[in-house]
C-alpha atoms as a PDB file:
ATOM      1  CA  GLN A   1      -7.831   9.775 -14.985  1.00  0.00           C
ATOM      2  CA  VAL A   2      -7.808   8.694 -11.359  1.00  0.00           C
ATOM      3  CA  GLN A   3      -5.616  10.516  -8.895  1.00  0.00           C
ATOM      4  CA  LEU A   4      -4.327   8.875  -5.748  1.00  0.00           C
ATOM      5  CA  ALA A   5      -3.238  10.736  -2.647  1.00  0.00           C
ATOM      6  CA  GLU A   6      -1.315   8.937   0.065  1.00  0.00           C
ATOM      7  CA  SER A   7      -0.940  10.207   3.597  1.00  0.00           C
ATOM      8  CA  GLY A   8       0.122   8.959   7.001  1.00  0.00           C
ATOM      9  CA  GLY A   9       3.812   8.383   6.528  1.00  0.00           C
ATOM     10  CA  GLY A  10       6.373   9.622   8.983  1.00  0.00           C
ATOM     11  CA  LEU A  11       9.053   8.705  11.472  1.00  0.00           C
ATOM     12  CA  VAL A  12       8.362   6.010  14.036  1.00  0.00           C
ATOM     13  CA  GLN A  13      10.441   3.948  16.405  1.00  0.00           C
ATOM     14  CA  ALA A  14      10.889   0.237  15.901  1.00  0.00           C
ATOM     15  CA  GLY A  15       7.933  -1.649  17.283  1.00  0.00           C
ATOM     16  CA  GLY A  16       5.584   1.233  16.600  1.00  0.00           C
ATOM     17  CA  SER A  17       2.653   1.554  14.237  1.00  0.00           C
ATOM     18  CA  LEU A  18       1.536   3.759  11.392  1.00  0.00           C
ATOM     19  CA  ARG A  19      -1.550   3.806   9.236  1.00  0.00           C
ATOM     20  CA  LEU A  20      -1.247   4.887   5.647  1.00  0.00           C
ATOM     21  CA  SER A  21      -4.231   6.153   3.715  1.00  0.00           C
ATOM     22  CA  CYS A  22      -4.763   6.351  -0.007  1.00  0.00           C
ATOM     23  CA  ALA A  23      -7.685   8.384  -1.267  1.00  0.00           C
ATOM     24  CA  ALA A  24      -8.757   7.896  -4.867  1.00  0.00           C
ATOM     25  CA  SER A  25     -10.470  10.592  -6.921  1.00  0.00           C
ATOM     26  CA  GLY A  26     -12.438   7.975  -8.820  1.00  0.00           C
ATOM     27  CA  ARG A  27     -13.365   4.332  -8.674  1.00  0.00           C
ATOM     28  CA  THR A  28     -11.292   1.536 -10.163  1.00  0.00           C
ATOM     29  CA  TYR A  29     -11.603  -2.189  -9.614  1.00  0.00           C
ATOM     30  CA  SER A  30      -8.844  -2.582  -7.039  1.00  0.00           C
ATOM     31  CA  MET A  31      -6.031  -0.879  -5.203  1.00  0.00           C
ATOM     32  CA  GLY A  32      -2.729  -2.013  -3.845  1.00  0.00           C
ATOM     33  CA  TRP A  33       0.343  -1.018  -1.920  1.00  0.00           C
ATOM     34  CA  PHE A  34       4.002  -1.152  -2.900  1.00  0.00           C
ATOM     35  CA  ARG A  35       7.156   0.085  -1.275  1.00  0.00           C
ATOM     36  CA  GLN A  36      10.649   0.881  -2.412  1.00  0.00           C
ATOM     37  CA  ALA A  37      13.642   1.176  -0.150  1.00  0.00           C
ATOM     38  CA  PRO A  38      16.803   2.983  -1.242  1.00  0.00           C
ATOM     39  CA  GLY A  39      18.862   0.836  -3.564  1.00  0.00           C
ATOM     40  CA  LYS A  40      16.227  -1.898  -3.689  1.00  0.00           C
ATOM     41  CA  GLU A  41      13.624  -2.977  -6.179  1.00  0.00           C
ATOM     42  CA  ARG A  42      10.016  -2.046  -5.735  1.00  0.00           C
ATOM     43  CA  GLU A  43       8.180  -4.579  -3.593  1.00  0.00           C
ATOM     44  CA  PHE A  44       4.505  -5.434  -3.936  1.00  0.00           C
ATOM     45  CA  LEU A  45       2.850  -5.724  -0.537  1.00  0.00           C
ATOM     46  CA  VAL A  46      -0.860  -6.411  -0.959  1.00  0.00           C
ATOM     47  CA  ALA A  47      -3.935  -5.477  -2.963  1.00  0.00           C
ATOM     48  CA  ILE A  48      -7.658  -5.326  -2.313  1.00  0.00           C
ATOM     49  CA  ALA A  49     -10.678  -5.258  -4.575  1.00  0.00           C
ATOM     50  CA  TRP A  50     -13.380  -2.718  -3.887  1.00  0.00           C
ATOM     51  CA  SER A  51     -15.881  -5.557  -4.022  1.00  0.00           C
ATOM     52  CA  GLY A  52     -13.913  -7.480  -1.425  1.00  0.00           C
ATOM     53  CA  GLY A  53     -11.105  -9.973  -1.621  1.00  0.00           C
ATOM     54  CA  THR A  54      -7.407  -9.446  -1.169  1.00  0.00           C
ATOM     55  CA  THR A  55      -4.174 -10.895  -2.400  1.00  0.00           C
ATOM     56  CA  ASN A  56      -1.746 -12.513   0.001  1.00  0.00           C
ATOM     57  CA  PHE A  57       0.620 -10.224   1.813  1.00  0.00           C
ATOM     58  CA  ALA A  58       4.296 -10.184   0.970  1.00  0.00           C
ATOM     59  CA  ASP A  59       6.168 -12.502   3.303  1.00  0.00           C
ATOM     60  CA  SER A  60       8.170  -9.568   4.610  1.00  0.00           C
ATOM     61  CA  VAL A  61       5.075  -7.960   6.152  1.00  0.00           C
ATOM     62  CA  LYS A  62       2.742 -10.885   6.705  1.00  0.00           C
ATOM     63  CA  GLY A  63       1.239 -10.897  10.170  1.00  0.00           C
ATOM     64  CA  ARG A  64       2.218  -7.281  10.819  1.00  0.00           C
ATOM     65  CA  PHE A  65       0.379  -5.309   8.132  1.00  0.00           C
ATOM     66  CA  THR A  66      -3.300  -5.290   7.313  1.00  0.00           C
ATOM     67  CA  ILE A  67      -5.271  -3.698   4.503  1.00  0.00           C
ATOM     68  CA  SER A  68      -8.760  -2.293   4.671  1.00  0.00           C
ATOM     69  CA  LYS A  69     -11.026  -0.034   2.664  1.00  0.00           C
ATOM     70  CA  ASP A  70     -13.792   2.464   3.024  1.00  0.00           C
ATOM     71  CA  ASN A  71     -15.886   2.302  -0.120  1.00  0.00           C
ATOM     72  CA  ALA A  72     -17.857   5.416   0.778  1.00  0.00           C
ATOM     73  CA  LYS A  73     -14.653   7.437   1.006  1.00  0.00           C
ATOM     74  CA  ASN A  74     -12.843   5.745  -1.904  1.00  0.00           C
ATOM     75  CA  THR A  75      -9.992   5.221   0.512  1.00  0.00           C
ATOM     76  CA  VAL A  76      -7.759   2.269   1.216  1.00  0.00           C
ATOM     77  CA  TYR A  77      -5.698   1.908   4.362  1.00  0.00           C
ATOM     78  CA  LEU A  78      -2.518   0.064   5.202  1.00  0.00           C
ATOM     79  CA  GLN A  79      -2.163  -0.541   8.929  1.00  0.00           C
ATOM     80  CA  MET A  80       1.445  -1.253   9.786  1.00  0.00           C
ATOM     81  CA  ASN A  81       2.251  -2.698  13.189  1.00  0.00           C
ATOM     82  CA  SER A  82       5.444  -3.958  14.810  1.00  0.00           C
ATOM     83  CA  LEU A  83       7.458  -1.843  12.436  1.00  0.00           C
ATOM     84  CA  LYS A  84      11.091  -2.685  11.856  1.00  0.00           C
ATOM     85  CA  PRO A  85      13.957  -0.561  10.521  1.00  0.00           C
ATOM     86  CA  GLU A  86      13.866  -2.656   7.350  1.00  0.00           C
ATOM     87  CA  ASP A  87      10.353  -1.365   6.707  1.00  0.00           C
ATOM     88  CA  THR A  88      11.875   2.036   5.955  1.00  0.00           C
ATOM     89  CA  ALA A  89      10.879   2.920   2.413  1.00  0.00           C
ATOM     90  CA  VAL A  90       8.710   5.102   0.257  1.00  0.00           C
ATOM     91  CA  TYR A  91       5.258   3.558   0.211  1.00  0.00           C
ATOM     92  CA  TYR A  92       3.121   3.882  -2.883  1.00  0.00           C
ATOM     93  CA  CYS A  93      -0.483   3.089  -3.478  1.00  0.00           C
ATOM     94  CA  ALA A  94      -1.682   2.107  -6.900  1.00  0.00           C
ATOM     95  CA  ALA A  95      -4.988   1.420  -8.570  1.00  0.00           C
ATOM     96  CA  ALA A  96      -5.976  -0.953 -11.320  1.00  0.00           C
ATOM     97  CA  ASN A  97      -8.967  -1.659 -13.487  1.00  0.00           C
ATOM     98  CA  SER A  98      -8.512  -5.345 -12.843  1.00  0.00           C
ATOM     99  CA  PHE A  99      -7.519  -7.590  -9.983  1.00  0.00           C
ATOM    100  CA  GLY A 100      -5.794 -10.858 -10.749  1.00  0.00           C
ATOM    101  CA  LYS A 101      -4.409  -9.610 -14.056  1.00  0.00           C
ATOM    102  CA  THR A 102      -2.562  -6.814 -12.291  1.00  0.00           C
ATOM    103  CA  TRP A 103      -1.671  -7.941  -8.813  1.00  0.00           C
ATOM    104  CA  ARG A 104      -1.045 -11.629  -9.454  1.00  0.00           C
ATOM    105  CA  THR A 105       0.797 -11.365 -12.735  1.00  0.00           C
ATOM    106  CA  GLY A 106       2.918  -8.307 -12.160  1.00  0.00           C
ATOM    107  CA  THR A 107       1.207  -6.167 -14.770  1.00  0.00           C
ATOM    108  CA  GLU A 108       1.807  -2.483 -14.143  1.00  0.00           C
ATOM    109  CA  PRO A 109      -1.121  -0.842 -12.302  1.00  0.00           C
ATOM    110  CA  ASP A 110      -3.064   1.819 -14.125  1.00  0.00           C
ATOM    111  CA  TYR A 111      -2.527   4.628 -11.624  1.00  0.00           C
ATOM    112  CA  TRP A 112       0.056   5.534  -9.009  1.00  0.00           C
ATOM    113  CA  GLY A 113       0.179   7.799  -6.013  1.00  0.00           C
ATOM    114  CA  GLN A 114       3.091  10.116  -5.330  1.00  0.00           C
ATOM    115  CA  GLY A 115       4.423   8.055  -2.442  1.00  0.00           C
ATOM    116  CA  THR A 116       4.832   8.689   1.252  1.00  0.00           C
ATOM    117  CA  GLN A 117       8.009   8.200   3.250  1.00  0.00           C
ATOM    118  CA  VAL A 118       8.039   5.814   6.180  1.00  0.00           C
ATOM    119  CA  THR A 119      11.132   5.827   8.341  1.00  0.00           C
ATOM    120  CA  VAL A 120      11.554   3.382  11.204  1.00  0.00           C
ATOM    121  CA  SER A 121      14.320   4.138  13.648  1.00  0.00           C
ATOM    122  CA  SER A 122      16.057   1.480  15.704  1.00  0.00           C
END
């Protein structure tokens, strides 16, 4: 069983930046980020393989968010810049024992973090 712990959420003004971290207790093949705003469906943002390689970013965050990893720390980061009020959501990291099968086909990831709230004020 792999446990995921997100951190870095908070309140920020529009135009600001936040960096989310997701530390994994064990190694899987890949990790990704989702978010869910109140009253909306969960949105997949991006995923990265520990060996390298990423999916495309969701159009809603493309050009503003980046994903990176630290293999030695089993940690994945989501750098969020130029934040907008519509980015307000609970952000979840997830891990999978595959890459394309999970992130490109919509298969449910194997593990989920508890989520971290990001609130962007206007």
